[in-house]
Amino acid sequence: MSVLPPDLPRLRTLITYLRGELGRAEQALAATKAREAATARQQTPPEPPAWLVERSIGAGRLPSRLHTGDCWDTGKRCVPAAAEQVRRLLAEDVPACIHCRPDTALGVLE
């Protein structure tokens, strides 16, 4: 047995009511999505890493240059690194960026 009314006028009334409810539900969904998007935009971006290693082009992708995390002269081939790793690479004669001078920031002299 169906829970829907058997006559045409009440079915039309029910359909009108349900269309209205669907519209209100869709409006609530859109408003919630907009609030969540606004909240996501307001969140602060993550802190940049303290040290970066720039990799070379090619199969080996060896370290080619070292940077501080806030250097403006970094490329797309940079990966985050720990201070100990940067010190080790400086000792292995990987050049430091001439703009941000990570060797000076770490207290390592050339």
N, C-alpha and C. Protein backbone atom coordinates (compact mmCIF):
# COMPACT_ATOMS: atom_id res chain seq x y z
N MET A 1 0.84 -1.17 0.00
CA MET A 1 0.00 0.00 0.00
C MET A 1 0.89 1.24 0.00
N SER A 2 0.56 2.20 -0.83
CA SER A 2 1.34 3.41 -0.98
C SER A 2 0.93 4.44 0.07
N VAL A 3 1.91 5.26 0.49
CA VAL A 3 1.63 6.32 1.45
C VAL A 3 1.21 7.59 0.74
N LEU A 4 1.23 7.59 -0.59
CA LEU A 4 0.83 8.76 -1.36
C LEU A 4 -0.69 8.81 -1.47
N PRO A 5 -1.22 10.04 -1.52
CA PRO A 5 -2.67 10.16 -1.66
C PRO A 5 -3.12 9.66 -3.04
N PRO A 6 -4.35 9.12 -3.11
CA PRO A 6 -4.82 8.55 -4.37
C PRO A 6 -5.40 9.57 -5.35
N ASP A 7 -5.78 10.74 -4.89
CA ASP A 7 -6.46 11.68 -5.79
C ASP A 7 -5.49 12.73 -6.34
N LEU A 8 -5.82 13.28 -7.51
CA LEU A 8 -4.98 14.21 -8.25
C LEU A 8 -4.71 15.53 -7.51
N PRO A 9 -5.69 16.20 -6.91
CA PRO A 9 -5.40 17.48 -6.25
C PRO A 9 -4.40 17.35 -5.11
N ARG A 10 -4.53 16.32 -4.31
CA ARG A 10 -3.59 16.16 -3.19
C ARG A 10 -2.20 15.76 -3.69
N LEU A 11 -2.12 14.98 -4.76
CA LEU A 11 -0.81 14.64 -5.34
C LEU A 11 -0.12 15.90 -5.87
N ARG A 12 -0.89 16.78 -6.54
CA ARG A 12 -0.32 18.03 -7.04
C ARG A 12 0.17 18.90 -5.88
N THR A 13 -0.59 18.96 -4.82
CA THR A 13 -0.20 19.74 -3.65
C THR A 13 1.08 19.18 -3.04
N LEU A 14 1.16 17.87 -2.95
CA LEU A 14 2.35 17.21 -2.41
C LEU A 14 3.58 17.49 -3.28
N ILE A 15 3.41 17.44 -4.59
CA ILE A 15 4.52 17.70 -5.51
C ILE A 15 4.98 19.15 -5.37
N THR A 16 4.05 20.08 -5.25
CA THR A 16 4.40 21.49 -5.08
C THR A 16 5.18 21.70 -3.79
N TYR A 17 4.72 21.05 -2.72
CA TYR A 17 5.40 21.15 -1.44
C TYR A 17 6.82 20.57 -1.52
N LEU A 18 6.94 19.39 -2.13
CA LEU A 18 8.25 18.75 -2.21
C LEU A 18 9.23 19.54 -3.10
N ARG A 19 8.73 20.17 -4.16
CA ARG A 19 9.60 21.01 -4.99
C ARG A 19 10.12 22.20 -4.18
N GLY A 20 9.26 22.78 -3.36
CA GLY A 20 9.68 23.88 -2.49
C GLY A 20 10.75 23.44 -1.49
N GLU A 21 10.54 22.27 -0.89
CA GLU A 21 11.52 21.74 0.06
C GLU A 21 12.84 21.44 -0.63
N LEU A 22 12.78 20.88 -1.84
CA LEU A 22 14.00 20.60 -2.60
C LEU A 22 14.75 21.90 -2.90
N GLY A 23 14.04 22.94 -3.27
CA GLY A 23 14.68 24.24 -3.52
C GLY A 23 15.35 24.78 -2.28
N ARG A 24 14.69 24.69 -1.13
CA ARG A 24 15.29 25.16 0.12
C ARG A 24 16.51 24.32 0.50
N ALA A 25 16.44 23.01 0.26
CA ALA A 25 17.58 22.15 0.56
C ALA A 25 18.76 22.48 -0.35
N GLU A 26 18.51 22.75 -1.63
CA GLU A 26 19.57 23.12 -2.55
C GLU A 26 20.19 24.46 -2.18
N GLN A 27 19.37 25.42 -1.72
CA GLN A 27 19.89 26.72 -1.27
C GLN A 27 20.77 26.55 -0.03
N ALA A 28 20.32 25.70 0.89
CA ALA A 28 21.12 25.45 2.10
C ALA A 28 22.45 24.79 1.73
N LEU A 29 22.43 23.87 0.78
CA LEU A 29 23.65 23.21 0.33
C LEU A 29 24.61 24.22 -0.30
N ALA A 30 24.11 25.09 -1.16
CA ALA A 30 24.95 26.10 -1.80
C ALA A 30 25.54 27.06 -0.77
N ALA A 31 24.75 27.46 0.22
CA ALA A 31 25.24 28.36 1.26
C ALA A 31 26.32 27.69 2.11
N THR A 32 26.15 26.43 2.42
CA THR A 32 27.15 25.70 3.20
C THR A 32 28.45 25.56 2.41
N LYS A 33 28.33 25.24 1.12
CA LYS A 33 29.54 25.14 0.29
C LYS A 33 30.27 26.48 0.23
N ALA A 34 29.53 27.57 0.10
CA ALA A 34 30.15 28.90 0.04
C ALA A 34 30.84 29.23 1.35
N ARG A 35 30.22 28.90 2.50
CA ARG A 35 30.84 29.15 3.80
C ARG A 35 32.13 28.35 3.95
N GLU A 36 32.10 27.08 3.56
CA GLU A 36 33.29 26.24 3.67
C GLU A 36 34.40 26.73 2.75
N ALA A 37 34.06 27.18 1.56
CA ALA A 37 35.07 27.72 0.64
C ALA A 37 35.69 28.99 1.21
N ALA A 38 34.86 29.86 1.82
CA ALA A 38 35.37 31.08 2.42
C ALA A 38 36.28 30.77 3.60
N THR A 39 35.93 29.78 4.39
CA THR A 39 36.76 29.38 5.52
C THR A 39 38.08 28.83 5.03
N ALA A 40 38.07 28.04 3.97
CA ALA A 40 39.30 27.48 3.42
C ALA A 40 40.21 28.58 2.89
N ARG A 41 39.64 29.61 2.30
CA ARG A 41 40.45 30.73 1.78
C ARG A 41 41.05 31.55 2.91
N GLN A 42 40.39 31.59 4.07
CA GLN A 42 40.86 32.41 5.18
C GLN A 42 41.97 31.74 5.97
N GLN A 43 42.14 30.44 5.82
CA GLN A 43 43.17 29.74 6.57
C GLN A 43 44.54 30.19 6.09
N THR A 44 45.45 30.35 7.02
CA THR A 44 46.79 30.82 6.67
C THR A 44 47.54 29.71 5.93
N PRO A 45 48.35 30.09 4.95
CA PRO A 45 49.12 29.07 4.24
C PRO A 45 50.18 28.48 5.16
N PRO A 46 50.63 27.29 4.87
CA PRO A 46 51.65 26.68 5.72
C PRO A 46 52.97 27.45 5.63
N GLU A 47 53.74 27.38 6.69
CA GLU A 47 55.04 28.06 6.73
C GLU A 47 55.97 27.43 5.69
N PRO A 48 56.78 28.24 5.02
CA PRO A 48 57.72 27.65 4.07
C PRO A 48 58.80 26.88 4.83
N PRO A 49 59.40 25.89 4.20
CA PRO A 49 60.47 25.17 4.89
C PRO A 49 61.66 26.09 5.14
N ALA A 50 62.45 25.79 6.14
CA ALA A 50 63.58 26.65 6.49
C ALA A 50 64.69 26.56 5.46
N TRP A 51 64.86 25.40 4.85
CA TRP A 51 65.96 25.18 3.91
C TRP A 51 65.44 24.44 2.69
N LEU A 52 66.03 24.74 1.52
CA LEU A 52 65.64 24.09 0.28
C LEU A 52 66.87 23.61 -0.46
N VAL A 53 66.71 22.47 -1.13
CA VAL A 53 67.74 21.94 -2.01
C VAL A 53 67.18 21.97 -3.41
N GLU A 54 67.87 22.67 -4.31
CA GLU A 54 67.45 22.72 -5.71
C GLU A 54 68.12 21.56 -6.44
N ARG A 55 67.31 20.77 -7.13
CA ARG A 55 67.81 19.61 -7.86
C ARG A 55 68.12 19.98 -9.31
N SER A 56 69.07 19.29 -9.89
CA SER A 56 69.41 19.53 -11.29
C SER A 56 68.42 18.82 -12.20
N ILE A 57 68.54 19.10 -13.48
CA ILE A 57 67.70 18.44 -14.47
C ILE A 57 68.39 17.16 -14.89
N GLY A 58 67.61 16.12 -15.10
CA GLY A 58 68.19 14.88 -15.60
C GLY A 58 67.83 13.70 -14.74
N ALA A 59 68.37 12.57 -15.12
CA ALA A 59 68.03 11.31 -14.47
C ALA A 59 68.51 11.27 -13.02
N GLY A 60 69.72 11.76 -12.76
CA GLY A 60 70.26 11.68 -11.41
C GLY A 60 69.66 12.67 -10.45
N ARG A 61 69.26 13.84 -10.95
CA ARG A 61 68.68 14.92 -10.17
C ARG A 61 69.51 15.22 -8.92
N LEU A 62 70.79 15.45 -9.15
CA LEU A 62 71.71 15.76 -8.06
C LEU A 62 71.46 17.17 -7.53
N PRO A 63 71.83 17.45 -6.28
CA PRO A 63 71.68 18.80 -5.75
C PRO A 63 72.53 19.78 -6.56
N SER A 64 71.94 20.89 -6.97
CA SER A 64 72.69 21.86 -7.77
C SER A 64 72.89 23.18 -7.03
N ARG A 65 72.01 23.52 -6.07
CA ARG A 65 72.13 24.78 -5.34
C ARG A 65 71.32 24.69 -4.06
N LEU A 66 71.75 25.42 -3.04
CA LEU A 66 71.07 25.41 -1.74
C LEU A 66 70.47 26.78 -1.47
N HIS A 67 69.30 26.80 -0.81
CA HIS A 67 68.58 28.05 -0.54
C HIS A 67 68.03 28.05 0.88
N THR A 68 67.74 29.26 1.38
CA THR A 68 66.91 29.37 2.57
C THR A 68 65.45 29.23 2.12
N GLY A 69 64.57 28.95 3.03
CA GLY A 69 63.18 28.71 2.68
C GLY A 69 62.45 29.91 2.11
N ASP A 70 62.90 31.11 2.43
CA ASP A 70 62.21 32.31 1.95
C ASP A 70 62.91 32.97 0.77
N CYS A 71 63.80 32.25 0.10
CA CYS A 71 64.54 32.81 -1.04
C CYS A 71 63.59 33.06 -2.22
N TRP A 72 63.80 34.17 -2.90
CA TRP A 72 62.96 34.50 -4.06
C TRP A 72 63.47 33.84 -5.33
N ASP A 73 64.67 33.30 -5.32
CA ASP A 73 65.29 32.76 -6.53
C ASP A 73 65.22 31.24 -6.60
N THR A 74 64.18 30.66 -6.05
CA THR A 74 64.03 29.21 -6.12
C THR A 74 63.22 28.83 -7.34
N GLY A 75 63.41 27.62 -7.79
CA GLY A 75 62.67 27.12 -8.94
C GLY A 75 61.71 26.03 -8.54
N LYS A 76 61.18 25.36 -9.54
CA LYS A 76 60.22 24.28 -9.30
C LYS A 76 60.90 23.00 -8.85
N ARG A 77 62.20 22.94 -8.97
CA ARG A 77 62.91 21.70 -8.65
C ARG A 77 63.44 21.68 -7.22
N CYS A 78 62.93 22.55 -6.35
CA CYS A 78 63.39 22.61 -4.97
C CYS A 78 62.59 21.67 -4.08
N VAL A 79 63.30 21.06 -3.14
CA VAL A 79 62.66 20.19 -2.15
C VAL A 79 63.09 20.65 -0.75
N PRO A 80 62.23 20.50 0.26
CA PRO A 80 62.60 20.88 1.62
C PRO A 80 63.76 20.04 2.14
N ALA A 81 64.55 20.62 3.02
CA ALA A 81 65.69 19.91 3.60
C ALA A 81 65.88 20.33 5.04
N ALA A 82 66.55 19.49 5.79
CA ALA A 82 66.90 19.80 7.17
C ALA A 82 68.22 20.56 7.19
N ALA A 83 68.47 21.28 8.27
CA ALA A 83 69.69 22.07 8.39
C ALA A 83 70.93 21.19 8.32
N GLU A 84 70.87 20.01 8.91
CA GLU A 84 72.02 19.10 8.88
C GLU A 84 72.33 18.66 7.45
N GLN A 85 71.29 18.41 6.67
CA GLN A 85 71.48 18.01 5.28
C GLN A 85 72.11 19.15 4.48
N VAL A 86 71.68 20.38 4.72
CA VAL A 86 72.24 21.53 4.00
C VAL A 86 73.70 21.71 4.39
N ARG A 87 74.03 21.56 5.67
CA ARG A 87 75.43 21.65 6.11
C ARG A 87 76.29 20.60 5.42
N ARG A 88 75.78 19.37 5.35
CA ARG A 88 76.51 18.28 4.71
C ARG A 88 76.73 18.58 3.23
N LEU A 89 75.69 19.07 2.55
CA LEU A 89 75.82 19.39 1.13
C LEU A 89 76.78 20.56 0.90
N LEU A 90 76.79 21.53 1.81
CA LEU A 90 77.76 22.62 1.70
C LEU A 90 79.18 22.08 1.84
N ALA A 91 79.38 21.12 2.75
CA ALA A 91 80.70 20.50 2.91
C ALA A 91 81.10 19.70 1.67
N GLU A 92 80.10 19.23 0.92
CA GLU A 92 80.37 18.47 -0.32
C GLU A 92 80.48 19.41 -1.52
N ASP A 93 80.62 20.70 -1.29
CA ASP A 93 80.81 21.72 -2.32
C ASP A 93 79.61 21.94 -3.23
N VAL A 94 78.40 21.72 -2.71
CA VAL A 94 77.21 22.13 -3.46
C VAL A 94 77.09 23.64 -3.25
N PRO A 95 76.98 24.44 -4.32
CA PRO A 95 76.99 25.90 -4.15
C PRO A 95 75.75 26.42 -3.42
N ALA A 96 75.99 27.49 -2.68
CA ALA A 96 74.90 28.18 -1.99
C ALA A 96 74.36 29.27 -2.90
N CYS A 97 73.09 29.57 -2.78
CA CYS A 97 72.48 30.65 -3.55
C CYS A 97 73.16 31.96 -3.19
N ILE A 98 73.48 32.77 -4.21
CA ILE A 98 74.17 34.03 -3.95
C ILE A 98 73.23 35.10 -3.42
N HIS A 99 71.92 34.86 -3.48
CA HIS A 99 70.95 35.85 -3.03
C HIS A 99 70.58 35.67 -1.56
N CYS A 100 70.29 34.44 -1.16
CA CYS A 100 69.82 34.22 0.22
C CYS A 100 70.93 33.74 1.15
N ARG A 101 72.05 33.28 0.62
CA ARG A 101 73.23 32.87 1.38
C ARG A 101 72.90 31.92 2.54
N PRO A 102 72.46 30.70 2.27
CA PRO A 102 72.19 29.75 3.36
C PRO A 102 73.43 29.38 4.13
N ASP A 103 74.60 29.45 3.49
CA ASP A 103 75.84 29.13 4.21
C ASP A 103 76.11 30.16 5.31
N THR A 104 75.82 31.41 5.04
CA THR A 104 75.98 32.46 6.06
C THR A 104 74.93 32.30 7.15
N ALA A 105 73.70 31.97 6.77
CA ALA A 105 72.64 31.80 7.77
C ALA A 105 72.93 30.63 8.70
N LEU A 106 73.60 29.60 8.19
CA LEU A 106 73.94 28.44 9.02
C LEU A 106 75.27 28.62 9.75
N GLY A 107 75.99 29.66 9.42
CA GLY A 107 77.29 29.89 10.08
C GLY A 107 78.39 29.04 9.48
N VAL A 108 78.22 28.59 8.24
CA VAL A 108 79.23 27.79 7.56
C VAL A 108 80.02 28.70 6.65
N LEU A 109 81.32 28.72 6.77
CA LEU A 109 82.15 29.57 5.91
C LEU A 109 82.65 28.75 4.74
N GLU A 110 82.78 29.42 3.60
CA GLU A 110 83.29 28.72 2.41
C GLU A 110 84.79 28.65 2.44
